[in-house]
Amino acid sequence: MTSSPMARTLRLWAAAGLAISACWAVPALAGGAMATGGMTSQPIGHYDFCKTQPGECSIRPSNLNPAAMTDAFMRKLINVTSRVNAAVKPMSDYDIYGKDEVWAYPDKGVGDCEDYVLEKRRQLSRSGVSLADLLITVVRKPDGEGHAVLTVRTDKGDYVLDNLTDKVKIWDATGYRFLKRQAIDNSGRWVSIRGGQQVLVGAVQ
């Protein structure tokens, strides 16, 4: 069987290893957890993703406690972020599929922001991280453009994995306005983030 470009790239990264400083330490004063509100609309891309991948959108994690942030866990987050960012070539949904708002795993080695998020979520979940702590999140960049990142809930605050940087940052140090994210107890539902504003991307109720 012929391996996909992404699979070959990931194997090369795994074989070579990723040089990460062992001196990283959890900040003494983390930004804390996001304040979430009530149920809100589901992005249209996620809605369509759920129709093709229903098993992905009916998960109700039993462990809702945030992940324990340790040096080893942060190294894992940095490793996955850097590896996936390097393995996937950025390309718009229109260029890939001929239409916008297609959320899919980047198995062909190309994708946009949501696809990076899905792959990082998949890899971290397979490594044992609860899906209650791996939440697809919609944000607005400083220039006003919509964007998706992966929020990782920890006992030292919520951290963000982003395809625009290999750095893993506490959420309120990203410069983004946080709008909505998946609910921790149901992978098919979304909740608002307090202090956000109305999303200007396609969504369904």
N, C-alpha and C. Protein backbone atom coordinates (compact mmCIF):
# COMPACT_ATOMS: atom_id res chain seq x y z
N MET A 1 0.85 -1.20 0.00
CA MET A 1 0.00 0.00 0.00
C MET A 1 0.89 1.24 0.00
N THR A 2 0.58 2.20 -0.83
CA THR A 2 1.35 3.43 -0.91
C THR A 2 0.97 4.36 0.23
N SER A 3 1.96 4.86 0.94
CA SER A 3 1.69 5.75 2.05
C SER A 3 1.36 7.14 1.53
N SER A 4 0.53 7.86 2.25
CA SER A 4 0.21 9.23 1.89
C SER A 4 1.43 10.11 2.18
N PRO A 5 1.54 11.28 1.49
CA PRO A 5 2.64 12.20 1.78
C PRO A 5 2.72 12.58 3.24
N MET A 6 1.54 12.77 3.86
CA MET A 6 1.55 13.17 5.27
C MET A 6 2.09 12.04 6.14
N ALA A 7 1.65 10.81 5.86
CA ALA A 7 2.11 9.67 6.67
C ALA A 7 3.62 9.52 6.57
N ARG A 8 4.17 9.68 5.35
CA ARG A 8 5.62 9.57 5.19
C ARG A 8 6.34 10.66 5.95
N THR A 9 5.80 11.88 5.90
CA THR A 9 6.43 13.00 6.60
C THR A 9 6.41 12.78 8.10
N LEU A 10 5.26 12.31 8.63
CA LEU A 10 5.16 12.08 10.07
C LEU A 10 6.13 11.00 10.53
N ARG A 11 6.31 9.95 9.67
CA ARG A 11 7.27 8.91 10.05
C ARG A 11 8.69 9.46 10.10
N LEU A 12 9.02 10.35 9.17
CA LEU A 12 10.35 10.96 9.16
C LEU A 12 10.57 11.79 10.42
N TRP A 13 9.54 12.55 10.81
CA TRP A 13 9.66 13.33 12.05
C TRP A 13 9.83 12.43 13.26
N ALA A 14 9.06 11.36 13.28
CA ALA A 14 9.13 10.44 14.44
C ALA A 14 10.50 9.79 14.50
N ALA A 15 11.05 9.44 13.34
CA ALA A 15 12.35 8.77 13.31
C ALA A 15 13.46 9.72 13.72
N ALA A 16 13.37 10.96 13.23
CA ALA A 16 14.43 11.93 13.51
C ALA A 16 14.33 12.47 14.93
N GLY A 17 13.10 12.51 15.44
CA GLY A 17 12.87 13.11 16.75
C GLY A 17 12.85 14.61 16.63
N LEU A 18 12.20 15.26 17.56
CA LEU A 18 12.10 16.70 17.53
C LEU A 18 12.87 17.25 18.71
N ALA A 19 13.85 18.13 18.42
CA ALA A 19 14.69 18.69 19.47
C ALA A 19 13.91 19.74 20.23
N ILE A 20 13.59 19.44 21.44
CA ILE A 20 12.83 20.36 22.28
C ILE A 20 13.59 20.56 23.58
N SER A 21 13.72 21.79 23.98
CA SER A 21 14.46 22.08 25.20
C SER A 21 13.81 21.42 26.40
N ALA A 22 14.63 20.80 27.22
CA ALA A 22 14.12 20.12 28.41
C ALA A 22 13.96 21.09 29.58
N CYS A 23 14.30 22.36 29.35
CA CYS A 23 14.28 23.29 30.48
C CYS A 23 12.96 24.05 30.54
N TRP A 24 11.96 23.68 29.71
CA TRP A 24 10.68 24.37 29.77
C TRP A 24 10.06 24.17 31.13
N ALA A 25 9.44 25.19 31.65
CA ALA A 25 8.76 25.08 32.96
C ALA A 25 7.40 25.72 32.86
N VAL A 26 6.42 25.18 33.57
CA VAL A 26 5.08 25.74 33.60
C VAL A 26 5.14 27.12 34.25
N PRO A 27 4.58 28.16 33.63
CA PRO A 27 4.60 29.49 34.23
C PRO A 27 3.92 29.47 35.59
N ALA A 28 4.45 30.24 36.51
CA ALA A 28 3.86 30.29 37.85
C ALA A 28 2.49 30.94 37.81
N LEU A 29 2.32 31.92 36.91
CA LEU A 29 1.04 32.61 36.81
C LEU A 29 0.47 32.38 35.42
N ALA A 30 -0.31 31.34 35.27
CA ALA A 30 -0.93 31.04 33.98
C ALA A 30 -2.16 31.91 33.79
N GLY A 31 -2.62 32.01 32.53
CA GLY A 31 -3.74 32.87 32.22
C GLY A 31 -5.08 32.32 32.68
N GLY A 32 -5.10 31.07 33.16
CA GLY A 32 -6.34 30.50 33.64
C GLY A 32 -7.17 29.92 32.52
N ALA A 33 -8.36 29.48 32.88
CA ALA A 33 -9.26 28.85 31.92
C ALA A 33 -10.19 29.88 31.31
N MET A 34 -10.61 29.63 30.07
CA MET A 34 -11.59 30.50 29.43
C MET A 34 -12.91 30.41 30.19
N ALA A 35 -13.64 31.51 30.20
CA ALA A 35 -14.99 31.51 30.77
C ALA A 35 -15.97 31.22 29.65
N THR A 36 -16.62 30.07 29.71
CA THR A 36 -17.56 29.69 28.66
C THR A 36 -18.99 29.99 29.09
N GLY A 37 -19.84 30.19 28.07
CA GLY A 37 -21.25 30.47 28.33
C GLY A 37 -22.12 29.28 27.96
N GLY A 38 -23.31 29.56 27.46
CA GLY A 38 -24.26 28.51 27.13
C GLY A 38 -24.05 27.94 25.75
N MET A 39 -24.95 27.02 25.39
CA MET A 39 -24.89 26.40 24.08
C MET A 39 -25.02 27.45 22.99
N THR A 40 -24.29 27.22 21.88
CA THR A 40 -24.34 28.15 20.77
C THR A 40 -24.34 27.39 19.45
N SER A 41 -24.39 28.10 18.35
CA SER A 41 -24.47 27.48 17.03
C SER A 41 -23.20 26.72 16.69
N GLN A 42 -23.37 25.68 15.93
CA GLN A 42 -22.28 24.83 15.47
C GLN A 42 -21.78 25.36 14.13
N PRO A 43 -20.48 25.55 13.96
CA PRO A 43 -19.98 26.00 12.65
C PRO A 43 -20.44 25.06 11.54
N ILE A 44 -20.78 25.62 10.40
CA ILE A 44 -21.31 24.80 9.31
C ILE A 44 -20.32 23.74 8.86
N GLY A 45 -19.02 24.08 8.91
CA GLY A 45 -18.02 23.09 8.53
C GLY A 45 -18.00 21.90 9.46
N HIS A 46 -18.20 22.14 10.75
CA HIS A 46 -18.24 21.05 11.71
C HIS A 46 -19.53 20.25 11.55
N TYR A 47 -20.61 20.93 11.26
CA TYR A 47 -21.89 20.26 11.03
C TYR A 47 -21.76 19.26 9.86
N ASP A 48 -21.16 19.71 8.77
CA ASP A 48 -20.98 18.82 7.61
C ASP A 48 -19.99 17.70 7.93
N PHE A 49 -18.95 18.01 8.69
CA PHE A 49 -17.99 17.00 9.12
C PHE A 49 -18.70 15.91 9.93
N CYS A 50 -19.61 16.33 10.80
CA CYS A 50 -20.33 15.38 11.63
C CYS A 50 -21.25 14.48 10.82
N LYS A 51 -21.75 14.98 9.70
CA LYS A 51 -22.60 14.15 8.85
C LYS A 51 -21.80 13.04 8.20
N THR A 52 -20.54 13.31 7.86
CA THR A 52 -19.70 12.29 7.23
C THR A 52 -18.95 11.45 8.25
N GLN A 53 -18.76 12.00 9.46
CA GLN A 53 -18.04 11.30 10.54
C GLN A 53 -18.88 11.32 11.81
N PRO A 54 -20.05 10.68 11.81
CA PRO A 54 -20.95 10.80 12.98
C PRO A 54 -20.33 10.30 14.28
N GLY A 55 -19.45 9.32 14.18
CA GLY A 55 -18.81 8.82 15.39
C GLY A 55 -17.93 9.84 16.08
N GLU A 56 -17.47 10.84 15.32
CA GLU A 56 -16.61 11.90 15.87
C GLU A 56 -17.42 12.91 16.69
N CYS A 57 -18.73 12.93 16.49
CA CYS A 57 -19.53 14.01 17.04
C CYS A 57 -20.57 13.54 18.05
N SER A 58 -20.39 12.36 18.57
CA SER A 58 -21.31 11.84 19.58
C SER A 58 -20.53 11.30 20.79
N ILE A 59 -19.31 11.83 20.97
CA ILE A 59 -18.44 11.36 22.05
C ILE A 59 -18.74 12.15 23.32
N ARG A 60 -18.95 11.42 24.40
CA ARG A 60 -19.19 12.05 25.69
C ARG A 60 -18.13 11.55 26.67
N PRO A 61 -17.02 12.25 26.78
CA PRO A 61 -15.91 11.79 27.61
C PRO A 61 -16.35 11.57 29.06
N SER A 62 -15.84 10.52 29.65
CA SER A 62 -16.19 10.23 31.05
C SER A 62 -15.35 11.04 32.02
N ASN A 63 -14.13 11.36 31.62
CA ASN A 63 -13.23 12.14 32.48
C ASN A 63 -13.24 13.58 32.02
N LEU A 64 -13.87 14.46 32.79
CA LEU A 64 -13.97 15.87 32.42
C LEU A 64 -12.95 16.75 33.14
N ASN A 65 -12.05 16.14 33.90
CA ASN A 65 -11.02 16.91 34.60
C ASN A 65 -9.99 17.41 33.60
N PRO A 66 -9.48 18.63 33.77
CA PRO A 66 -8.44 19.13 32.87
C PRO A 66 -7.17 18.30 32.99
N ALA A 67 -6.41 18.24 31.91
CA ALA A 67 -5.16 17.47 31.91
C ALA A 67 -4.15 18.10 32.86
N ALA A 68 -3.33 17.26 33.46
CA ALA A 68 -2.28 17.74 34.35
C ALA A 68 -1.13 18.30 33.51
N MET A 69 -0.83 19.57 33.70
CA MET A 69 0.26 20.19 32.95
C MET A 69 1.59 19.88 33.63
N THR A 70 2.45 19.21 32.91
CA THR A 70 3.79 18.88 33.37
C THR A 70 4.77 19.24 32.25
N ASP A 71 6.06 19.16 32.56
CA ASP A 71 7.07 19.39 31.52
C ASP A 71 6.87 18.40 30.37
N ALA A 72 6.62 17.16 30.71
CA ALA A 72 6.46 16.13 29.68
C ALA A 72 5.23 16.40 28.82
N PHE A 73 4.15 16.85 29.44
CA PHE A 73 2.93 17.12 28.68
C PHE A 73 3.14 18.31 27.75
N MET A 74 3.81 19.36 28.21
CA MET A 74 4.09 20.49 27.34
C MET A 74 4.99 20.08 26.18
N ARG A 75 5.97 19.23 26.44
CA ARG A 75 6.82 18.76 25.34
C ARG A 75 5.99 18.00 24.31
N LYS A 76 5.02 17.23 24.79
CA LYS A 76 4.14 16.51 23.86
C LYS A 76 3.35 17.49 23.00
N LEU A 77 2.81 18.55 23.61
CA LEU A 77 2.04 19.54 22.86
C LEU A 77 2.91 20.24 21.81
N ILE A 78 4.12 20.60 22.20
CA ILE A 78 5.04 21.27 21.26
C ILE A 78 5.42 20.32 20.14
N ASN A 79 5.66 19.07 20.48
CA ASN A 79 6.05 18.07 19.49
C ASN A 79 4.96 17.89 18.44
N VAL A 80 3.73 17.69 18.90
CA VAL A 80 2.62 17.48 17.97
C VAL A 80 2.38 18.72 17.13
N THR A 81 2.42 19.90 17.75
CA THR A 81 2.22 21.15 17.01
C THR A 81 3.24 21.29 15.89
N SER A 82 4.51 21.14 16.22
CA SER A 82 5.57 21.31 15.23
C SER A 82 5.51 20.26 14.14
N ARG A 83 5.22 19.03 14.54
CA ARG A 83 5.20 17.92 13.57
C ARG A 83 4.07 18.09 12.56
N VAL A 84 2.86 18.39 13.05
CA VAL A 84 1.73 18.54 12.14
C VAL A 84 1.88 19.81 11.29
N ASN A 85 2.35 20.89 11.89
CA ASN A 85 2.55 22.12 11.11
C ASN A 85 3.53 21.90 9.97
N ALA A 86 4.55 21.08 10.20
CA ALA A 86 5.54 20.81 9.16
C ALA A 86 5.04 19.83 8.12
N ALA A 87 4.16 18.91 8.55
CA ALA A 87 3.72 17.83 7.65
C ALA A 87 2.62 18.26 6.70
N VAL A 88 1.85 19.29 7.08
CA VAL A 88 0.70 19.70 6.28
C VAL A 88 1.02 21.01 5.56
N LYS A 89 0.80 21.03 4.26
CA LYS A 89 0.99 22.24 3.46
C LYS A 89 -0.30 23.05 3.50
N PRO A 90 -0.23 24.35 3.84
CA PRO A 90 -1.45 25.15 3.89
C PRO A 90 -2.06 25.32 2.51
N MET A 91 -3.34 25.05 2.41
CA MET A 91 -4.06 25.19 1.15
C MET A 91 -5.53 25.43 1.47
N SER A 92 -6.18 26.31 0.74
CA SER A 92 -7.57 26.65 1.02
C SER A 92 -8.50 25.50 0.62
N ASP A 93 -9.66 25.48 1.29
CA ASP A 93 -10.67 24.47 0.93
C ASP A 93 -11.07 24.58 -0.53
N TYR A 94 -11.16 25.82 -1.03
CA TYR A 94 -11.57 25.99 -2.42
C TYR A 94 -10.55 25.37 -3.38
N ASP A 95 -9.27 25.54 -3.05
CA ASP A 95 -8.24 24.95 -3.91
C ASP A 95 -8.23 23.43 -3.82
N ILE A 96 -8.58 22.89 -2.67
CA ILE A 96 -8.56 21.43 -2.48
C ILE A 96 -9.84 20.79 -3.01
N TYR A 97 -10.99 21.37 -2.62
CA TYR A 97 -12.28 20.72 -2.87
C TYR A 97 -13.17 21.48 -3.86
N GLY A 98 -12.79 22.70 -4.20
CA GLY A 98 -13.63 23.49 -5.08
C GLY A 98 -14.78 24.18 -4.37
N LYS A 99 -14.77 24.18 -3.03
CA LYS A 99 -15.78 24.88 -2.25
C LYS A 99 -15.20 25.22 -0.88
N ASP A 100 -15.87 26.10 -0.16
CA ASP A 100 -15.39 26.56 1.14
C ASP A 100 -15.97 25.75 2.28
N GLU A 101 -15.36 25.91 3.46
CA GLU A 101 -15.84 25.32 4.71
C GLU A 101 -15.96 23.80 4.67
N VAL A 102 -14.88 23.15 4.23
CA VAL A 102 -14.81 21.69 4.29
C VAL A 102 -13.82 21.33 5.38
N TRP A 103 -14.32 20.69 6.45
CA TRP A 103 -13.46 20.26 7.54
C TRP A 103 -13.13 18.78 7.31
N ALA A 104 -11.84 18.47 7.26
CA ALA A 104 -11.43 17.09 6.99
C ALA A 104 -10.03 16.86 7.53
N TYR A 105 -9.71 15.60 7.77
CA TYR A 105 -8.34 15.26 8.16
C TYR A 105 -7.42 15.47 6.96
N PRO A 106 -6.24 16.05 7.18
CA PRO A 106 -5.33 16.36 6.07
C PRO A 106 -4.50 15.15 5.65
N ASP A 107 -5.18 14.06 5.30
CA ASP A 107 -4.48 12.81 5.00
C ASP A 107 -3.67 12.88 3.71
N LYS A 108 -3.97 13.88 2.86
CA LYS A 108 -3.20 14.05 1.62
C LYS A 108 -2.07 15.05 1.77
N GLY A 109 -1.86 15.52 3.01
CA GLY A 109 -0.74 16.42 3.27
C GLY A 109 -1.02 17.88 3.01
N VAL A 110 -2.30 18.23 2.76
CA VAL A 110 -2.68 19.63 2.56
C VAL A 110 -3.93 19.91 3.38
N GLY A 111 -4.14 21.17 3.73
CA GLY A 111 -5.33 21.52 4.49
C GLY A 111 -5.31 22.96 4.95
N ASP A 112 -6.44 23.41 5.53
CA ASP A 112 -6.48 24.75 6.11
C ASP A 112 -6.56 24.62 7.63
N CYS A 113 -6.84 25.73 8.32
CA CYS A 113 -6.67 25.76 9.77
C CYS A 113 -7.46 24.69 10.50
N GLU A 114 -8.71 24.44 10.06
CA GLU A 114 -9.51 23.43 10.76
C GLU A 114 -8.91 22.04 10.60
N ASP A 115 -8.29 21.79 9.47
CA ASP A 115 -7.73 20.46 9.21
C ASP A 115 -6.49 20.21 10.08
N TYR A 116 -5.68 21.25 10.29
CA TYR A 116 -4.56 21.13 11.24
C TYR A 116 -5.10 20.79 12.63
N VAL A 117 -6.17 21.48 13.02
CA VAL A 117 -6.76 21.25 14.34
C VAL A 117 -7.22 19.80 14.48
N LEU A 118 -7.92 19.30 13.47
CA LEU A 118 -8.43 17.94 13.53
C LEU A 118 -7.29 16.93 13.66
N GLU A 119 -6.20 17.15 12.93
CA GLU A 119 -5.08 16.21 12.99
C GLU A 119 -4.39 16.25 14.35
N LYS A 120 -4.18 17.43 14.90
CA LYS A 120 -3.55 17.53 16.22
C LYS A 120 -4.44 16.89 17.28
N ARG A 121 -5.73 17.13 17.16
CA ARG A 121 -6.69 16.53 18.10
C ARG A 121 -6.63 15.01 18.00
N ARG A 122 -6.57 14.49 16.77
CA ARG A 122 -6.53 13.04 16.58
C ARG A 122 -5.25 12.45 17.18
N GLN A 123 -4.12 13.08 16.92
CA GLN A 123 -2.86 12.54 17.44
C GLN A 123 -2.79 12.58 18.96
N LEU A 124 -3.24 13.68 19.55
CA LEU A 124 -3.20 13.78 21.01
C LEU A 124 -4.19 12.83 21.66
N SER A 125 -5.36 12.66 21.04
CA SER A 125 -6.33 11.70 21.56
C SER A 125 -5.77 10.28 21.52
N ARG A 126 -5.11 9.93 20.43
CA ARG A 126 -4.53 8.60 20.32
C ARG A 126 -3.42 8.38 21.34
N SER A 127 -2.80 9.48 21.80
CA SER A 127 -1.73 9.35 22.80
C SER A 127 -2.28 9.29 24.21
N GLY A 128 -3.62 9.36 24.36
CA GLY A 128 -4.23 9.20 25.68
C GLY A 128 -4.84 10.44 26.29
N VAL A 129 -4.80 11.58 25.59
CA VAL A 129 -5.39 12.80 26.13
C VAL A 129 -6.90 12.74 25.92
N SER A 130 -7.66 13.07 26.96
CA SER A 130 -9.12 13.03 26.88
C SER A 130 -9.64 14.06 25.88
N LEU A 131 -10.67 13.69 25.11
CA LEU A 131 -11.27 14.65 24.19
C LEU A 131 -11.96 15.80 24.92
N ALA A 132 -12.22 15.65 26.20
CA ALA A 132 -12.75 16.76 26.98
C ALA A 132 -11.73 17.88 27.10
N ASP A 133 -10.46 17.55 26.85
CA ASP A 133 -9.38 18.53 26.96
C ASP A 133 -8.84 18.96 25.61
N LEU A 134 -9.47 18.50 24.52
CA LEU A 134 -9.01 18.81 23.16
C LEU A 134 -10.19 19.39 22.39
N LEU A 135 -10.29 20.70 22.38
CA LEU A 135 -11.51 21.35 21.92
C LEU A 135 -11.24 22.24 20.70
N ILE A 136 -11.92 21.92 19.60
CA ILE A 136 -11.86 22.77 18.42
C ILE A 136 -12.46 24.12 18.79
N THR A 137 -11.77 25.20 18.44
CA THR A 137 -12.15 26.53 18.90
C THR A 137 -12.11 27.52 17.75
N VAL A 138 -13.15 28.34 17.66
CA VAL A 138 -13.22 29.39 16.63
C VAL A 138 -12.81 30.72 17.26
N VAL A 139 -11.89 31.42 16.58
CA VAL A 139 -11.39 32.70 17.07
C VAL A 139 -11.44 33.72 15.94
N ARG A 140 -11.21 34.96 16.32
CA ARG A 140 -11.02 36.01 15.33
C ARG A 140 -9.61 36.56 15.49
N LYS A 141 -8.87 36.62 14.40
CA LYS A 141 -7.52 37.17 14.42
C LYS A 141 -7.58 38.70 14.54
N PRO A 142 -6.46 39.33 14.89
CA PRO A 142 -6.47 40.80 15.02
C PRO A 142 -6.92 41.52 13.76
N ASP A 143 -6.70 40.91 12.58
CA ASP A 143 -7.13 41.55 11.33
C ASP A 143 -8.60 41.32 11.02
N GLY A 144 -9.31 40.62 11.91
CA GLY A 144 -10.74 40.39 11.74
C GLY A 144 -11.09 39.08 11.06
N GLU A 145 -10.11 38.37 10.54
CA GLU A 145 -10.37 37.12 9.84
C GLU A 145 -10.70 36.00 10.82
N GLY A 146 -11.65 35.13 10.44
CA GLY A 146 -11.96 33.96 11.27
C GLY A 146 -10.84 32.94 11.19
N HIS A 147 -10.68 32.16 12.24
CA HIS A 147 -9.57 31.21 12.33
C HIS A 147 -9.99 30.10 13.30
N ALA A 148 -9.38 28.93 13.18
CA ALA A 148 -9.64 27.82 14.11
C ALA A 148 -8.33 27.37 14.75
N VAL A 149 -8.39 27.07 16.02
CA VAL A 149 -7.24 26.56 16.77
C VAL A 149 -7.72 25.42 17.66
N LEU A 150 -6.77 24.71 18.24
CA LEU A 150 -7.10 23.65 19.20
C LEU A 150 -6.81 24.16 20.60
N THR A 151 -7.84 24.18 21.45
CA THR A 151 -7.66 24.52 22.86
C THR A 151 -7.38 23.24 23.64
N VAL A 152 -6.35 23.27 24.46
CA VAL A 152 -6.01 22.15 25.34
C VAL A 152 -6.24 22.60 26.78
N ARG A 153 -7.20 21.99 27.45
CA ARG A 153 -7.51 22.32 28.84
C ARG A 153 -6.52 21.65 29.77
N THR A 154 -5.93 22.44 30.67
CA THR A 154 -5.02 21.86 31.66
C THR A 154 -5.30 22.48 33.02
N ASP A 155 -4.72 21.89 34.04
CA ASP A 155 -4.90 22.43 35.39
C ASP A 155 -4.08 23.69 35.63
N LYS A 156 -3.31 24.13 34.62
CA LYS A 156 -2.57 25.38 34.69
C LYS A 156 -3.12 26.39 33.69
N GLY A 157 -4.31 26.14 33.18
CA GLY A 157 -4.91 27.06 32.23
C GLY A 157 -5.12 26.42 30.86
N ASP A 158 -5.78 27.16 29.98
CA ASP A 158 -6.08 26.68 28.63
C ASP A 158 -4.98 27.13 27.67
N TYR A 159 -4.42 26.18 26.93
CA TYR A 159 -3.35 26.46 25.99
C TYR A 159 -3.85 26.26 24.56
N VAL A 160 -3.19 26.91 23.62
CA VAL A 160 -3.64 26.93 22.23
C VAL A 160 -2.58 26.35 21.31
N LEU A 161 -3.01 25.42 20.45
CA LEU A 161 -2.17 24.86 19.38
C LEU A 161 -2.65 25.45 18.07
N ASP A 162 -1.74 26.04 17.32
CA ASP A 162 -2.08 26.89 16.18
C ASP A 162 -1.22 26.51 14.98
N ASN A 163 -1.79 26.52 13.79
CA ASN A 163 -0.99 26.22 12.61
C ASN A 163 -0.16 27.42 12.16
N LEU A 164 -0.40 28.60 12.74
CA LEU A 164 0.35 29.80 12.35
C LEU A 164 1.61 29.99 13.16
N THR A 165 1.82 29.16 14.17
CA THR A 165 3.04 29.22 14.97
C THR A 165 3.28 27.86 15.61
N ASP A 166 4.55 27.55 15.85
CA ASP A 166 4.89 26.31 16.54
C ASP A 166 4.89 26.50 18.05
N LYS A 167 4.74 27.74 18.51
CA LYS A 167 4.73 28.01 19.94
C LYS A 167 3.38 27.62 20.54
N VAL A 168 3.41 27.01 21.69
CA VAL A 168 2.19 26.67 22.43
C VAL A 168 1.99 27.75 23.48
N LYS A 169 0.92 28.53 23.34
CA LYS A 169 0.72 29.70 24.20
C LYS A 169 -0.51 29.54 25.07
N ILE A 170 -0.47 30.18 26.23
CA ILE A 170 -1.68 30.30 27.03
C ILE A 170 -2.68 31.11 26.22
N TRP A 171 -3.95 30.80 26.33
CA TRP A 171 -4.95 31.34 25.40
C TRP A 171 -4.99 32.85 25.35
N ASP A 172 -4.85 33.53 26.50
CA ASP A 172 -5.00 34.99 26.48
C ASP A 172 -3.72 35.72 26.12
N ALA A 173 -2.70 34.96 25.66
CA ALA A 173 -1.47 35.58 25.15
C ALA A 173 -1.37 35.45 23.63
N THR A 174 -2.46 34.99 22.99
CA THR A 174 -2.41 34.76 21.55
C THR A 174 -2.75 36.00 20.73
N GLY A 175 -3.44 36.95 21.32
CA GLY A 175 -3.90 38.11 20.57
C GLY A 175 -5.21 37.88 19.84
N TYR A 176 -5.82 36.70 20.01
CA TYR A 176 -7.08 36.38 19.34
C TYR A 176 -8.27 36.77 20.21
N ARG A 177 -9.43 36.97 19.56
CA ARG A 177 -10.69 37.08 20.28
C ARG A 177 -11.37 35.72 20.18
N PHE A 178 -11.64 35.11 21.32
CA PHE A 178 -12.19 33.75 21.35
C PHE A 178 -13.71 33.81 21.30
N LEU A 179 -14.30 33.04 20.38
CA LEU A 179 -15.72 33.14 20.09
C LEU A 179 -16.53 31.94 20.58
N LYS A 180 -16.13 30.75 20.21
CA LYS A 180 -16.88 29.54 20.60
C LYS A 180 -15.95 28.34 20.51
N ARG A 181 -16.33 27.27 21.22
CA ARG A 181 -15.55 26.04 21.15
C ARG A 181 -16.46 24.85 21.45
N GLN A 182 -15.95 23.66 21.19
CA GLN A 182 -16.71 22.45 21.52
C GLN A 182 -16.98 22.38 23.02
N ALA A 183 -18.11 21.80 23.37
CA ALA A 183 -18.41 21.55 24.78
C ALA A 183 -17.52 20.43 25.29
N ILE A 184 -17.14 20.49 26.55
CA ILE A 184 -16.23 19.48 27.08
C ILE A 184 -16.91 18.12 27.24
N ASP A 185 -18.24 18.11 27.36
CA ASP A 185 -18.95 16.86 27.66
C ASP A 185 -19.66 16.25 26.46
N ASN A 186 -19.55 16.89 25.29
CA ASN A 186 -20.22 16.36 24.10
C ASN A 186 -19.52 16.93 22.87
N SER A 187 -18.86 16.07 22.10
CA SER A 187 -18.04 16.53 20.98
C SER A 187 -18.85 17.09 19.82
N GLY A 188 -20.18 16.93 19.85
CA GLY A 188 -21.02 17.46 18.80
C GLY A 188 -21.69 18.78 19.14
N ARG A 189 -21.45 19.28 20.35
CA ARG A 189 -22.08 20.53 20.77
C ARG A 189 -21.03 21.62 20.98
N TRP A 190 -21.50 22.86 20.89
CA TRP A 190 -20.60 24.01 21.01
C TRP A 190 -21.12 24.98 22.07
N VAL A 191 -20.19 25.66 22.74
CA VAL A 191 -20.55 26.65 23.73
C VAL A 191 -19.87 27.98 23.38
N SER A 192 -20.50 29.06 23.81
CA SER A 192 -19.92 30.38 23.58
C SER A 192 -18.78 30.62 24.57
N ILE A 193 -17.94 31.56 24.22
CA ILE A 193 -16.86 31.98 25.12
C ILE A 193 -17.16 33.41 25.53
N ARG A 194 -17.30 33.65 26.81
CA ARG A 194 -17.71 34.95 27.31
C ARG A 194 -16.69 36.01 26.91
N GLY A 195 -17.20 37.15 26.46
CA GLY A 195 -16.33 38.21 26.00
C GLY A 195 -16.09 38.16 24.51
N GLY A 196 -16.57 37.06 23.85
CA GLY A 196 -16.45 36.97 22.41
C GLY A 196 -17.51 37.82 21.74
N GLN A 197 -17.57 37.73 20.42
CA GLN A 197 -18.58 38.48 19.68
C GLN A 197 -19.21 37.56 18.65
N GLN A 198 -20.25 38.01 18.00
CA GLN A 198 -20.96 37.17 17.05
C GLN A 198 -20.03 36.69 15.95
N VAL A 199 -20.09 35.41 15.64
CA VAL A 199 -19.23 34.81 14.63
C VAL A 199 -19.71 35.22 13.24
N LEU A 200 -18.78 35.60 12.39
CA LEU A 200 -19.12 35.99 11.03
C LEU A 200 -18.71 34.93 10.04
N VAL A 201 -18.78 33.66 10.46
CA VAL A 201 -18.51 32.55 9.56
C VAL A 201 -19.77 31.68 9.52
N GLY A 202 -19.85 30.82 8.51
CA GLY A 202 -21.05 29.99 8.37
C GLY A 202 -21.28 29.12 9.58
N ALA A 203 -22.50 29.12 10.07
CA ALA A 203 -22.85 28.30 11.24
C ALA A 203 -24.28 27.83 11.09
N VAL A 204 -24.60 26.75 11.80
CA VAL A 204 -25.97 26.27 11.85
C VAL A 204 -26.39 26.26 13.31
N GLN A 205 -27.67 26.40 13.53
CA GLN A 205 -28.18 26.41 14.91
C GLN A 205 -28.18 25.01 15.49
